[in-house]
């Protein structure tokens, strides 16, 4: 971490899914946030890099770089519009795990700040 006072964010992924097997340090993750009581996601957090992958018997923990500033998140509706704009035709829901082609991932990253306003 560039700033020693920063703490990385982490997610714990249970099971032995394809995502847990194939996601590597250096990959980026776009996180969809939904409280346990909500039907729809309340926010989508912009792409953040995987710093470390820690595997155990029944789970994998991914340590992530902290998100940048206030434009690091957008509403679920705006995210859905952004996906259409960059050409993602596959349905993306609250629990989706989707490997993006590099050109699509780059297009999302380029348009993220203006879409998050």
PDB file of N, CA and C in Angstrom:
ATOM      1  N   UNK A   1       0.848  -1.171   0.000  1.00  0.00           N
ATOM      2  CA  UNK A   1       0.000   0.000   0.000  1.00  0.00           C
ATOM      3  C   UNK A   1       0.898   1.240   0.000  1.00  0.00           C
ATOM      4  N   UNK A   2       0.505   2.229  -0.791  1.00  0.00           N
ATOM      5  CA  UNK A   2       1.274   3.466  -0.871  1.00  0.00           C
ATOM      6  C   UNK A   2       1.240   4.222   0.458  1.00  0.00           C
ATOM      7  N   UNK A   3       0.091   4.230   1.107  1.00  0.00           N
ATOM      8  CA  UNK A   3      -0.072   4.900   2.389  1.00  0.00           C
ATOM      9  C   UNK A   3      -0.107   3.833   3.490  1.00  0.00           C
ATOM     10  N   UNK A   4       0.859   3.829   4.407  1.00  0.00           N
ATOM     11  CA  UNK A   4       0.895   2.784   5.438  1.00  0.00           C
ATOM     12  C   UNK A   4      -0.296   2.810   6.390  1.00  0.00           C
ATOM     13  N   UNK A   5      -1.044   3.922   6.434  1.00  0.00           N
ATOM     14  CA  UNK A   5      -2.220   4.006   7.302  1.00  0.00           C
ATOM     15  C   UNK A   5      -3.466   3.394   6.672  1.00  0.00           C
ATOM     16  N   UNK A   6      -3.427   3.130   5.361  1.00  0.00           N
ATOM     17  CA  UNK A   6      -4.580   2.551   4.673  1.00  0.00           C
ATOM     18  C   UNK A   6      -4.687   1.063   4.962  1.00  0.00           C
ATOM     19  N   UNK A   7      -5.888   0.611   5.084  1.00  0.00           N
ATOM     20  CA  UNK A   7      -6.165  -0.813   5.266  1.00  0.00           C
ATOM     21  C   UNK A   7      -6.807  -1.341   3.992  1.00  0.00           C
ATOM     22  N   UNK A   8      -6.368  -2.475   3.501  1.00  0.00           N
ATOM     23  CA  UNK A   8      -7.042  -3.033   2.322  1.00  0.00           C
ATOM     24  C   UNK A   8      -8.422  -3.555   2.708  1.00  0.00           C
ATOM     25  N   UNK A   9      -9.339  -3.497   1.764  1.00  0.00           N
ATOM     26  CA  UNK A   9     -10.669  -4.072   1.923  1.00  0.00           C
ATOM     27  C   UNK A   9     -10.542  -5.545   1.562  1.00  0.00           C
ATOM     28  N   UNK A  10     -11.360  -6.395   2.126  1.00  0.00           N
ATOM     29  CA  UNK A  10     -11.293  -7.801   1.728  1.00  0.00           C
ATOM     30  C   UNK A  10     -12.690  -8.377   1.572  1.00  0.00           C
ATOM     31  N   UNK A  11     -12.770  -9.388   0.733  1.00  0.00           N
ATOM     32  CA  UNK A  11     -14.003 -10.159   0.582  1.00  0.00           C
ATOM     33  C   UNK A  11     -13.652 -11.623   0.768  1.00  0.00           C
ATOM     34  N   UNK A  12     -14.569 -12.349   1.351  1.00  0.00           N
ATOM     35  CA  UNK A  12     -14.380 -13.779   1.547  1.00  0.00           C
ATOM     36  C   UNK A  12     -15.360 -14.501   0.647  1.00  0.00           C
ATOM     37  N   UNK A  13     -14.839 -15.346  -0.213  1.00  0.00           N
ATOM     38  CA  UNK A  13     -15.635 -16.076  -1.193  1.00  0.00           C
ATOM     39  C   UNK A  13     -15.671 -17.534  -0.756  1.00  0.00           C
ATOM     40  N   UNK A  14     -16.867 -18.047  -0.451  1.00  0.00           N
ATOM     41  CA  UNK A  14     -16.958 -19.435   0.000  1.00  0.00           C
ATOM     42  C   UNK A  14     -17.116 -20.376  -1.186  1.00  0.00           C
ATOM     43  N   UNK A  15     -16.687 -21.597  -0.995  1.00  0.00           N
ATOM     44  CA  UNK A  15     -16.817 -22.614  -2.036  1.00  0.00           C
ATOM     45  C   UNK A  15     -15.630 -22.619  -2.982  1.00  0.00           C
ATOM     46  N   UNK A  16     -15.755 -23.429  -4.008  1.00  0.00           N
ATOM     47  CA  UNK A  16     -14.664 -23.611  -4.972  1.00  0.00           C
ATOM     48  C   UNK A  16     -15.142 -23.260  -6.382  1.00  0.00           C
ATOM     49  N   UNK A  17     -15.741 -22.108  -6.509  1.00  0.00           N
ATOM     50  CA  UNK A  17     -16.285 -21.661  -7.798  1.00  0.00           C
ATOM     51  C   UNK A  17     -15.173 -21.314  -8.775  1.00  0.00           C
ATOM     52  N   UNK A  18     -15.550 -21.122 -10.018  1.00  0.00           N
ATOM     53  CA  UNK A  18     -14.606 -20.717 -11.047  1.00  0.00           C
ATOM     54  C   UNK A  18     -13.951 -19.382 -10.684  1.00  0.00           C
ATOM     55  N   UNK A  19     -14.753 -18.452 -10.159  1.00  0.00           N
ATOM     56  CA  UNK A  19     -14.218 -17.160  -9.753  1.00  0.00           C
ATOM     57  C   UNK A  19     -13.112 -17.338  -8.716  1.00  0.00           C
ATOM     58  N   UNK A  20     -13.356 -18.128  -7.693  1.00  0.00           N
ATOM     59  CA  UNK A  20     -12.357 -18.342  -6.642  1.00  0.00           C
ATOM     60  C   UNK A  20     -11.095 -18.999  -7.195  1.00  0.00           C
ATOM     61  N   UNK A  21     -11.243 -19.879  -8.157  1.00  0.00           N
ATOM     62  CA  UNK A  21     -10.082 -20.562  -8.745  1.00  0.00           C
ATOM     63  C   UNK A  21      -9.282 -19.643  -9.663  1.00  0.00           C
ATOM     64  N   UNK A  22      -9.973 -18.847 -10.484  1.00  0.00           N
ATOM     65  CA  UNK A  22      -9.295 -18.132 -11.562  1.00  0.00           C
ATOM     66  C   UNK A  22      -8.912 -16.686 -11.262  1.00  0.00           C
ATOM     67  N   UNK A  23      -9.558 -16.034 -10.315  1.00  0.00           N
ATOM     68  CA  UNK A  23      -9.210 -14.647  -9.998  1.00  0.00           C
ATOM     69  C   UNK A  23      -7.816 -14.633  -9.371  1.00  0.00           C
ATOM     70  N   UNK A  24      -6.989 -13.719  -9.841  1.00  0.00           N
ATOM     71  CA  UNK A  24      -5.591 -13.660  -9.418  1.00  0.00           C
ATOM     72  C   UNK A  24      -5.216 -12.270  -8.925  1.00  0.00           C
ATOM     73  N   UNK A  25      -4.110 -12.202  -8.222  1.00  0.00           N
ATOM     74  CA  UNK A  25      -3.544 -10.915  -7.832  1.00  0.00           C
ATOM     75  C   UNK A  25      -3.284 -10.108  -9.098  1.00  0.00           C
ATOM     76  N   UNK A  26      -3.655  -8.839  -9.058  1.00  0.00           N
ATOM     77  CA  UNK A  26      -3.500  -7.976 -10.226  1.00  0.00           C
ATOM     78  C   UNK A  26      -4.774  -7.837 -11.039  1.00  0.00           C
ATOM     79  N   UNK A  27      -5.718  -8.777 -10.896  1.00  0.00           N
ATOM     80  CA  UNK A  27      -7.009  -8.649 -11.568  1.00  0.00           C
ATOM     81  C   UNK A  27      -7.805  -7.523 -10.910  1.00  0.00           C
ATOM     82  N   UNK A  28      -8.836  -7.039 -11.603  1.00  0.00           N
ATOM     83  CA  UNK A  28      -9.723  -6.012 -11.043  1.00  0.00           C
ATOM     84  C   UNK A  28     -11.103  -6.602 -10.810  1.00  0.00           C
ATOM     85  N   UNK A  29     -11.746  -6.114  -9.767  1.00  0.00           N
ATOM     86  CA  UNK A  29     -13.085  -6.569  -9.402  1.00  0.00           C
ATOM     87  C   UNK A  29     -14.003  -5.360  -9.320  1.00  0.00           C
ATOM     88  N   UNK A  30     -15.192  -5.466  -9.923  1.00  0.00           N
ATOM     89  CA  UNK A  30     -16.255  -4.475  -9.748  1.00  0.00           C
ATOM     90  C   UNK A  30     -17.232  -5.119  -8.773  1.00  0.00           C
ATOM     91  N   UNK A  31     -17.465  -4.460  -7.639  1.00  0.00           N
ATOM     92  CA  UNK A  31     -18.312  -5.039  -6.597  1.00  0.00           C
ATOM     93  C   UNK A  31     -19.722  -4.460  -6.647  1.00  0.00           C
ATOM     94  N   UNK A  32     -20.704  -5.337  -6.539  1.00  0.00           N
ATOM     95  CA  UNK A  32     -22.114  -4.940  -6.484  1.00  0.00           C
ATOM     96  C   UNK A  32     -22.543  -5.066  -5.026  1.00  0.00           C
ATOM     97  N   UNK A  33     -22.998  -3.956  -4.437  1.00  0.00           N
ATOM     98  CA  UNK A  33     -23.359  -3.942  -3.021  1.00  0.00           C
ATOM     99  C   UNK A  33     -24.868  -3.940  -2.840  1.00  0.00           C
ATOM    100  N   UNK A  34     -25.329  -4.856  -2.002  1.00  0.00           N
ATOM    101  CA  UNK A  34     -26.756  -4.939  -1.656  1.00  0.00           C
ATOM    102  C   UNK A  34     -26.825  -5.373  -0.211  1.00  0.00           C
ATOM    103  N   UNK A  35     -27.590  -4.652   0.596  1.00  0.00           N
ATOM    104  CA  UNK A  35     -27.748  -5.076   1.988  1.00  0.00           C
ATOM    105  C   UNK A  35     -28.540  -6.374   2.007  1.00  0.00           C
ATOM    106  N   UNK A  36     -28.430  -7.104   3.068  1.00  0.00           N
ATOM    107  CA  UNK A  36     -29.096  -8.405   3.154  1.00  0.00           C
ATOM    108  C   UNK A  36     -30.617  -8.284   3.099  1.00  0.00           C
ATOM    109  N   UNK A  37     -31.165  -7.115   3.419  1.00  0.00           N
ATOM    110  CA  UNK A  37     -32.618  -6.928   3.424  1.00  0.00           C
ATOM    111  C   UNK A  37     -33.156  -6.330   2.124  1.00  0.00           C
ATOM    112  N   UNK A  38     -32.267  -5.810   1.282  1.00  0.00           N
ATOM    113  CA  UNK A  38     -32.696  -5.128   0.055  1.00  0.00           C
ATOM    114  C   UNK A  38     -32.912  -6.117  -1.084  1.00  0.00           C
ATOM    115  N   UNK A  39     -33.863  -5.784  -1.965  1.00  0.00           N
ATOM    116  CA  UNK A  39     -34.119  -6.599  -3.152  1.00  0.00           C
ATOM    117  C   UNK A  39     -33.148  -6.229  -4.269  1.00  0.00           C
ATOM    118  N   UNK A  40     -32.948  -4.919  -4.457  1.00  0.00           N
ATOM    119  CA  UNK A  40     -32.057  -4.420  -5.516  1.00  0.00           C
ATOM    120  C   UNK A  40     -30.745  -3.953  -4.904  1.00  0.00           C
ATOM    121  N   UNK A  41     -29.668  -4.014  -5.675  1.00  0.00           N
ATOM    122  CA  UNK A  41     -28.403  -3.458  -5.194  1.00  0.00           C
ATOM    123  C   UNK A  41     -28.538  -1.954  -4.974  1.00  0.00           C
ATOM    124  N   UNK A  42     -27.829  -1.443  -3.988  1.00  0.00           N
ATOM    125  CA  UNK A  42     -27.890  -0.009  -3.717  1.00  0.00           C
ATOM    126  C   UNK A  42     -26.712   0.734  -4.320  1.00  0.00           C
ATOM    127  N   UNK A  43     -25.614   0.038  -4.608  1.00  0.00           N
ATOM    128  CA  UNK A  43     -24.447   0.706  -5.194  1.00  0.00           C
ATOM    129  C   UNK A  43     -23.569  -0.305  -5.914  1.00  0.00           C
ATOM    130  N   UNK A  44     -22.820   0.209  -6.865  1.00  0.00           N
ATOM    131  CA  UNK A  44     -21.816  -0.586  -7.569  1.00  0.00           C
ATOM    132  C   UNK A  44     -20.503   0.149  -7.365  1.00  0.00           C
ATOM    133  N   UNK A  45     -19.518  -0.564  -6.862  1.00  0.00           N
ATOM    134  CA  UNK A  45     -18.217   0.033  -6.557  1.00  0.00           C
ATOM    135  C   UNK A  45     -17.258  -0.249  -7.691  1.00  0.00           C
ATOM    136  N   UNK A  46     -16.585   0.790  -8.147  1.00  0.00           N
ATOM    137  CA  UNK A  46     -15.713   0.712  -9.310  1.00  0.00           C
ATOM    138  C   UNK A  46     -14.592  -0.287  -9.195  1.00  0.00           C
ATOM    139  N   UNK A  47     -14.034  -0.630 -10.327  1.00  0.00           N
ATOM    140  CA  UNK A  47     -12.981  -1.623 -10.403  1.00  0.00           C
ATOM    141  C   UNK A  47     -11.828  -1.336  -9.463  1.00  0.00           C
ATOM    142  N   UNK A  48     -11.456  -2.317  -8.693  1.00  0.00           N
ATOM    143  CA  UNK A  48     -10.354  -2.202  -7.753  1.00  0.00           C
ATOM    144  C   UNK A  48      -9.471  -3.433  -7.869  1.00  0.00           C
ATOM    145  N   UNK A  49      -8.187  -3.238  -7.709  1.00  0.00           N
ATOM    146  CA  UNK A  49      -7.240  -4.317  -7.922  1.00  0.00           C
ATOM    147  C   UNK A  49      -7.155  -5.302  -6.773  1.00  0.00           C
ATOM    148  N   UNK A  50      -6.942  -6.560  -7.122  1.00  0.00           N
ATOM    149  CA  UNK A  50      -6.722  -7.608  -6.133  1.00  0.00           C
ATOM    150  C   UNK A  50      -5.249  -7.555  -5.732  1.00  0.00           C
ATOM    151  N   UNK A  51      -4.997  -7.314  -4.443  1.00  0.00           N
ATOM    152  CA  UNK A  51      -3.637  -7.225  -3.931  1.00  0.00           C
ATOM    153  C   UNK A  51      -3.078  -8.586  -3.532  1.00  0.00           C
ATOM    154  N   UNK A  52      -3.953  -9.425  -2.943  1.00  0.00           N
ATOM    155  CA  UNK A  52      -3.510 -10.704  -2.416  1.00  0.00           C
ATOM    156  C   UNK A  52      -4.667 -11.684  -2.432  1.00  0.00           C
ATOM    157  N   UNK A  53      -4.379 -12.917  -2.737  1.00  0.00           N
ATOM    158  CA  UNK A  53      -5.369 -13.987  -2.719  1.00  0.00           C
ATOM    159  C   UNK A  53      -4.914 -14.999  -1.676  1.00  0.00           C
ATOM    160  N   UNK A  54      -5.805 -15.288  -0.719  1.00  0.00           N
ATOM    161  CA  UNK A  54      -5.483 -16.215   0.364  1.00  0.00           C
ATOM    162  C   UNK A  54      -6.483 -17.363   0.312  1.00  0.00           C
ATOM    163  N   UNK A  55      -5.994 -18.577   0.117  1.00  0.00           N
ATOM    164  CA  UNK A  55      -6.884 -19.728  -0.010  1.00  0.00           C
ATOM    165  C   UNK A  55      -6.861 -20.587   1.248  1.00  0.00           C
ATOM    166  N   UNK A  56      -8.037 -21.103   1.592  1.00  0.00           N
ATOM    167  CA  UNK A  56      -8.195 -22.061   2.686  1.00  0.00           C
ATOM    168  C   UNK A  56      -9.026 -23.214   2.146  1.00  0.00           C
ATOM    169  N   UNK A  57      -9.347 -24.162   2.995  1.00  0.00           N
ATOM    170  CA  UNK A  57     -10.064 -25.357   2.549  1.00  0.00           C
ATOM    171  C   UNK A  57     -11.417 -25.043   1.908  1.00  0.00           C
ATOM    172  N   UNK A  58     -12.227 -24.192   2.545  1.00  0.00           N
ATOM    173  CA  UNK A  58     -13.593 -23.954   2.067  1.00  0.00           C
ATOM    174  C   UNK A  58     -13.874 -22.517   1.659  1.00  0.00           C
ATOM    175  N   UNK A  59     -12.857 -21.674   1.616  1.00  0.00           N
ATOM    176  CA  UNK A  59     -13.063 -20.286   1.237  1.00  0.00           C
ATOM    177  C   UNK A  59     -11.786 -19.696   0.668  1.00  0.00           C
ATOM    178  N   UNK A  60     -11.961 -18.569  -0.012  1.00  0.00           N
ATOM    179  CA  UNK A  60     -10.840 -17.794  -0.537  1.00  0.00           C
ATOM    180  C   UNK A  60     -11.068 -16.353  -0.129  1.00  0.00           C
ATOM    181  N   UNK A  61     -10.048 -15.714   0.381  1.00  0.00           N
ATOM    182  CA  UNK A  61     -10.152 -14.299   0.745  1.00  0.00           C
ATOM    183  C   UNK A  61      -9.327 -13.493  -0.256  1.00  0.00           C
ATOM    184  N   UNK A  62      -9.939 -12.408  -0.756  1.00  0.00           N
ATOM    185  CA  UNK A  62      -9.277 -11.501  -1.682  1.00  0.00           C
ATOM    186  C   UNK A  62      -9.109 -10.162  -0.982  1.00  0.00           C
ATOM    187  N   UNK A  63      -7.876  -9.695  -0.903  1.00  0.00           N
ATOM    188  CA  UNK A  63      -7.585  -8.379  -0.348  1.00  0.00           C
ATOM    189  C   UNK A  63      -7.524  -7.396  -1.505  1.00  0.00           C
ATOM    190  N   UNK A  64      -8.265  -6.300  -1.369  1.00  0.00           N
ATOM    191  CA  UNK A  64      -8.450  -5.359  -2.472  1.00  0.00           C
ATOM    192  C   UNK A  64      -7.888  -3.984  -2.135  1.00  0.00           C
ATOM    193  N   UNK A  65      -7.429  -3.304  -3.166  1.00  0.00           N
ATOM    194  CA  UNK A  65      -6.969  -1.929  -3.036  1.00  0.00           C
ATOM    195  C   UNK A  65      -8.183  -1.057  -2.704  1.00  0.00           C
ATOM    196  N   UNK A  66      -8.039  -0.081  -1.783  1.00  0.00           N
ATOM    197  CA  UNK A  66      -9.171   0.815  -1.474  1.00  0.00           C
ATOM    198  C   UNK A  66      -9.633   1.577  -2.715  1.00  0.00           C
ATOM    199  N   UNK A  67     -10.931   1.863  -2.788  1.00  0.00           N
ATOM    200  CA  UNK A  67     -11.500   2.606  -3.911  1.00  0.00           C
ATOM    201  C   UNK A  67     -11.083   4.062  -3.847  1.00  0.00           C
ATOM    202  N   UNK A  68     -11.058   4.710  -5.006  1.00  0.00           N
ATOM    203  CA  UNK A  68     -10.646   6.107  -5.103  1.00  0.00           C
ATOM    204  C   UNK A  68     -11.833   7.061  -4.986  1.00  0.00           C
ATOM    205  N   UNK A  69     -11.884   7.829  -3.925  1.00  0.00           N
ATOM    206  CA  UNK A  69     -12.775   8.976  -3.800  1.00  0.00           C
ATOM    207  C   UNK A  69     -14.261   8.736  -3.965  1.00  0.00           C
ATOM    208  N   UNK A  70     -14.972   9.858  -4.113  1.00  0.00           N
ATOM    209  CA  UNK A  70     -16.437   9.816  -4.125  1.00  0.00           C
ATOM    210  C   UNK A  70     -17.010   9.276  -5.426  1.00  0.00           C
ATOM    211  N   UNK A  71     -16.243   9.277  -6.490  1.00  0.00           N
ATOM    212  CA  UNK A  71     -16.750   8.760  -7.757  1.00  0.00           C
ATOM    213  C   UNK A  71     -16.446   7.274  -7.907  1.00  0.00           C
ATOM    214  N   UNK A  72     -16.117   6.636  -6.801  1.00  0.00           N
ATOM    215  CA  UNK A  72     -15.794   5.216  -6.837  1.00  0.00           C
ATOM    216  C   UNK A  72     -17.051   4.353  -6.921  1.00  0.00           C
ATOM    217  N   UNK A  73     -18.216   4.958  -6.686  1.00  0.00           N
ATOM    218  CA  UNK A  73     -19.434   4.153  -6.757  1.00  0.00           C
ATOM    219  C   UNK A  73     -20.517   4.864  -7.552  1.00  0.00           C
ATOM    220  N   UNK A  74     -21.460   4.051  -8.025  1.00  0.00           N
ATOM    221  CA  UNK A  74     -22.616   4.588  -8.750  1.00  0.00           C
ATOM    222  C   UNK A  74     -23.835   3.751  -8.404  1.00  0.00           C
ATOM    223  N   UNK A  75     -24.993   4.255  -8.761  1.00  0.00           N
ATOM    224  CA  UNK A  75     -26.236   3.526  -8.490  1.00  0.00           C
ATOM    225  C   UNK A  75     -26.334   2.314  -9.415  1.00  0.00           C
ATOM    226  N   UNK A  76     -27.164   1.380  -9.025  1.00  0.00           N
ATOM    227  CA  UNK A  76     -27.397   0.171  -9.819  1.00  0.00           C
ATOM    228  C   UNK A  76     -27.940   0.526 -11.200  1.00  0.00           C
ATOM    229  N   UNK A  77     -28.876   1.464 -11.255  1.00  0.00           N
ATOM    230  CA  UNK A  77     -29.463   1.870 -12.530  1.00  0.00           C
ATOM    231  C   UNK A  77     -28.434   2.480 -13.471  1.00  0.00           C
ATOM    232  N   UNK A  78     -27.582   3.356 -12.947  1.00  0.00           N
ATOM    233  CA  UNK A  78     -26.536   3.962 -13.773  1.00  0.00           C
ATOM    234  C   UNK A  78     -25.548   2.903 -14.266  1.00  0.00           C
ATOM    235  N   UNK A  79     -25.254   1.929 -13.422  1.00  0.00           N
ATOM    236  CA  UNK A  79     -24.341   0.858 -13.821  1.00  0.00           C
ATOM    237  C   UNK A  79     -24.939   0.034 -14.958  1.00  0.00           C
ATOM    238  N   UNK A  80     -26.225  -0.263 -14.875  1.00  0.00           N
ATOM    239  CA  UNK A  80     -26.890  -1.008 -15.943  1.00  0.00           C
ATOM    240  C   UNK A  80     -26.825  -0.229 -17.269  1.00  0.00           C
ATOM    241  N   UNK A  81     -27.035   1.090 -17.210  1.00  0.00           N
ATOM    242  CA  UNK A  81     -26.924   1.924 -18.414  1.00  0.00           C
ATOM    243  C   UNK A  81     -25.494   1.920 -18.962  1.00  0.00           C
ATOM    244  N   UNK A  82     -24.520   2.008 -18.088  1.00  0.00           N
ATOM    245  CA  UNK A  82     -23.124   1.982 -18.509  1.00  0.00           C
ATOM    246  C   UNK A  82     -22.797   0.670 -19.227  1.00  0.00           C
ATOM    247  N   UNK A  83     -23.281  -0.439 -18.698  1.00  0.00           N
ATOM    248  CA  UNK A  83     -23.031  -1.731 -19.346  1.00  0.00           C
ATOM    249  C   UNK A  83     -23.597  -1.756 -20.760  1.00  0.00           C
ATOM    250  N   UNK A  84     -24.804  -1.218 -20.940  1.00  0.00           N
ATOM    251  CA  UNK A  84     -25.390  -1.160 -22.283  1.00  0.00           C
ATOM    252  C   UNK A  84     -24.558  -0.282 -23.207  1.00  0.00           C
ATOM    253  N   UNK A  85     -24.094   0.861 -22.703  1.00  0.00           N
ATOM    254  CA  UNK A  85     -23.300   1.794 -23.511  1.00  0.00           C
ATOM    255  C   UNK A  85     -22.006   1.159 -24.026  1.00  0.00           C
ATOM    256  N   UNK A  86     -21.395   0.303 -23.226  1.00  0.00           N
ATOM    257  CA  UNK A  86     -20.113  -0.290 -23.640  1.00  0.00           C
ATOM    258  C   UNK A  86     -20.287  -1.629 -24.351  1.00  0.00           C
ATOM    259  N   UNK A  87     -21.539  -2.069 -24.513  1.00  0.00           N
ATOM    260  CA  UNK A  87     -21.796  -3.254 -25.318  1.00  0.00           C
ATOM    261  C   UNK A  87     -21.883  -4.574 -24.588  1.00  0.00           C
ATOM    262  N   UNK A  88     -22.145  -4.559 -23.283  1.00  0.00           N
ATOM    263  CA  UNK A  88     -22.336  -5.807 -22.547  1.00  0.00           C
ATOM    264  C   UNK A  88     -23.776  -6.253 -22.784  1.00  0.00           C
ATOM    265  N   UNK A  89     -23.943  -7.358 -23.488  1.00  0.00           N
ATOM    266  CA  UNK A  89     -25.289  -7.829 -23.817  1.00  0.00           C
ATOM    267  C   UNK A  89     -25.793  -8.873 -22.822  1.00  0.00           C
ATOM    268  N   UNK A  90     -24.901  -9.499 -22.088  1.00  0.00           N
ATOM    269  CA  UNK A  90     -25.281 -10.522 -21.112  1.00  0.00           C
ATOM    270  C   UNK A  90     -25.946  -9.859 -19.910  1.00  0.00           C
ATOM    271  N   UNK A  91     -26.979 -10.509 -19.376  1.00  0.00           N
ATOM    272  CA  UNK A  91     -27.669  -9.982 -18.202  1.00  0.00           C
ATOM    273  C   UNK A  91     -26.729 -10.009 -16.999  1.00  0.00           C
ATOM    274  N   UNK A  92     -26.650  -8.894 -16.289  1.00  0.00           N
ATOM    275  CA  UNK A  92     -25.839  -8.800 -15.082  1.00  0.00           C
ATOM    276  C   UNK A  92     -26.783  -8.515 -13.931  1.00  0.00           C
ATOM    277  N   UNK A  93     -26.841  -9.431 -12.983  1.00  0.00           N
ATOM    278  CA  UNK A  93     -27.699  -9.291 -11.820  1.00  0.00           C
ATOM    279  C   UNK A  93     -26.879  -9.085 -10.564  1.00  0.00           C
ATOM    280  N   UNK A  94     -27.552  -8.961  -9.418  1.00  0.00           N
ATOM    281  CA  UNK A  94     -26.853  -8.689  -8.157  1.00  0.00           C
ATOM    282  C   UNK A  94     -25.797  -9.732  -7.784  1.00  0.00           C
ATOM    283  N   UNK A  95     -25.974 -10.965  -8.155  1.00  0.00           N
ATOM    284  CA  UNK A  95     -25.012 -12.003  -7.796  1.00  0.00           C
ATOM    285  C   UNK A  95     -24.137 -12.459  -8.949  1.00  0.00           C
ATOM    286  N   UNK A  96     -24.063 -11.669  -9.991  1.00  0.00           N
ATOM    287  CA  UNK A  96     -23.328 -12.067 -11.191  1.00  0.00           C
ATOM    288  C   UNK A  96     -21.822 -12.127 -10.970  1.00  0.00           C
ATOM    289  N   UNK A  97     -21.223 -13.100 -11.615  1.00  0.00           N
ATOM    290  CA  UNK A  97     -19.769 -13.193 -11.721  1.00  0.00           C
ATOM    291  C   UNK A  97     -19.509 -13.308 -13.214  1.00  0.00           C
ATOM    292  N   UNK A  98     -18.830 -12.327 -13.775  1.00  0.00           N
ATOM    293  CA  UNK A  98     -18.658 -12.259 -15.220  1.00  0.00           C
ATOM    294  C   UNK A  98     -17.225 -11.849 -15.540  1.00  0.00           C
ATOM    295  N   UNK A  99     -16.568 -12.641 -16.364  1.00  0.00           N
ATOM    296  CA  UNK A  99     -15.241 -12.294 -16.834  1.00  0.00           C
ATOM    297  C   UNK A  99     -15.398 -11.378 -18.034  1.00  0.00           C
ATOM    298  N   UNK A 100     -14.848 -10.169 -17.931  1.00  0.00           N
ATOM    299  CA  UNK A 100     -14.976  -9.193 -19.013  1.00  0.00           C
ATOM    300  C   UNK A 100     -13.789  -9.273 -19.947  1.00  0.00           C
ATOM    301  N   UNK A 101     -14.056  -9.132 -21.227  1.00  0.00           N
ATOM    302  CA  UNK A 101     -12.991  -9.031 -22.210  1.00  0.00           C
ATOM    303  C   UNK A 101     -12.217  -7.748 -21.917  1.00  0.00           C
ATOM    304  N   UNK A 102     -10.907  -7.726 -22.181  1.00  0.00           N
ATOM    305  CA  UNK A 102     -10.113  -6.537 -21.871  1.00  0.00           C
ATOM    306  C   UNK A 102     -10.641  -5.245 -22.485  1.00  0.00           C
ATOM    307  N   UNK A 103     -11.157  -5.281 -23.716  1.00  0.00           N
ATOM    308  CA  UNK A 103     -11.661  -4.048 -24.337  1.00  0.00           C
ATOM    309  C   UNK A 103     -12.913  -3.532 -23.624  1.00  0.00           C
ATOM    310  N   UNK A 104     -13.765  -4.430 -23.158  1.00  0.00           N
ATOM    311  CA  UNK A 104     -14.972  -4.020 -22.409  1.00  0.00           C
ATOM    312  C   UNK A 104     -14.567  -3.461 -21.046  1.00  0.00           C
ATOM    313  N   UNK A 105     -13.642  -4.120 -20.366  1.00  0.00           N
ATOM    314  CA  UNK A 105     -13.181  -3.644 -19.062  1.00  0.00           C
ATOM    315  C   UNK A 105     -12.562  -2.250 -19.183  1.00  0.00           C
ATOM    316  N   UNK A 106     -11.786  -2.021 -20.221  1.00  0.00           N
ATOM    317  CA  UNK A 106     -11.171  -0.708 -20.435  1.00  0.00           C
ATOM    318  C   UNK A 106     -12.226   0.349 -20.741  1.00  0.00           C
ATOM    319  N   UNK A 107     -13.251  -0.008 -21.525  1.00  0.00           N
ATOM    320  CA  UNK A 107     -14.327   0.936 -21.839  1.00  0.00           C
ATOM    321  C   UNK A 107     -15.095   1.319 -20.570  1.00  0.00           C
ATOM    322  N   UNK A 108     -15.354   0.356 -19.699  1.00  0.00           N
ATOM    323  CA  UNK A 108     -16.032   0.648 -18.427  1.00  0.00           C
ATOM    324  C   UNK A 108     -15.174   1.589 -17.590  1.00  0.00           C
ATOM    325  N   UNK A 109     -13.880   1.302 -17.493  1.00  0.00           N
ATOM    326  CA  UNK A 109     -12.982   2.148 -16.695  1.00  0.00           C
ATOM    327  C   UNK A 109     -12.934   3.577 -17.250  1.00  0.00           C
ATOM    328  N   UNK A 110     -12.912   3.734 -18.562  1.00  0.00           N
ATOM    329  CA  UNK A 110     -12.858   5.065 -19.176  1.00  0.00           C
ATOM    330  C   UNK A 110     -14.112   5.869 -18.884  1.00  0.00           C
ATOM    331  N   UNK A 111     -15.263   5.224 -18.914  1.00  0.00           N
ATOM    332  CA  UNK A 111     -16.539   5.928 -18.774  1.00  0.00           C
ATOM    333  C   UNK A 111     -17.020   6.022 -17.325  1.00  0.00           C
ATOM    334  N   UNK A 112     -16.338   5.348 -16.410  1.00  0.00           N
ATOM    335  CA  UNK A 112     -16.821   5.240 -15.027  1.00  0.00           C
ATOM    336  C   UNK A 112     -17.010   6.601 -14.358  1.00  0.00           C
ATOM    337  N   UNK A 113     -16.001   7.458 -14.395  1.00  0.00           N
ATOM    338  CA  UNK A 113     -16.079   8.733 -13.656  1.00  0.00           C
ATOM    339  C   UNK A 113     -17.226   9.608 -14.130  1.00  0.00           C
ATOM    340  N   UNK A 114     -17.420   9.719 -15.433  1.00  0.00           N
ATOM    341  CA  UNK A 114     -18.509  10.573 -15.912  1.00  0.00           C
ATOM    342  C   UNK A 114     -19.875   9.933 -15.635  1.00  0.00           C
ATOM    343  N   UNK A 115     -19.947   8.625 -15.662  1.00  0.00           N
ATOM    344  CA  UNK A 115     -21.218   7.938 -15.396  1.00  0.00           C
ATOM    345  C   UNK A 115     -21.575   7.967 -13.916  1.00  0.00           C
ATOM    346  N   UNK A 116     -20.576   8.029 -13.035  1.00  0.00           N
ATOM    347  CA  UNK A 116     -20.811   7.992 -11.585  1.00  0.00           C
ATOM    348  C   UNK A 116     -21.283   9.325 -11.014  1.00  0.00           C
ATOM    349  N   UNK A 117     -21.265  10.386 -11.796  1.00  0.00           N
ATOM    350  CA  UNK A 117     -21.665  11.727 -11.296  1.00  0.00           C
ATOM    351  C   UNK A 117     -23.089  11.740 -10.802  1.00  0.00           C
TER     352      UNK A 117
END
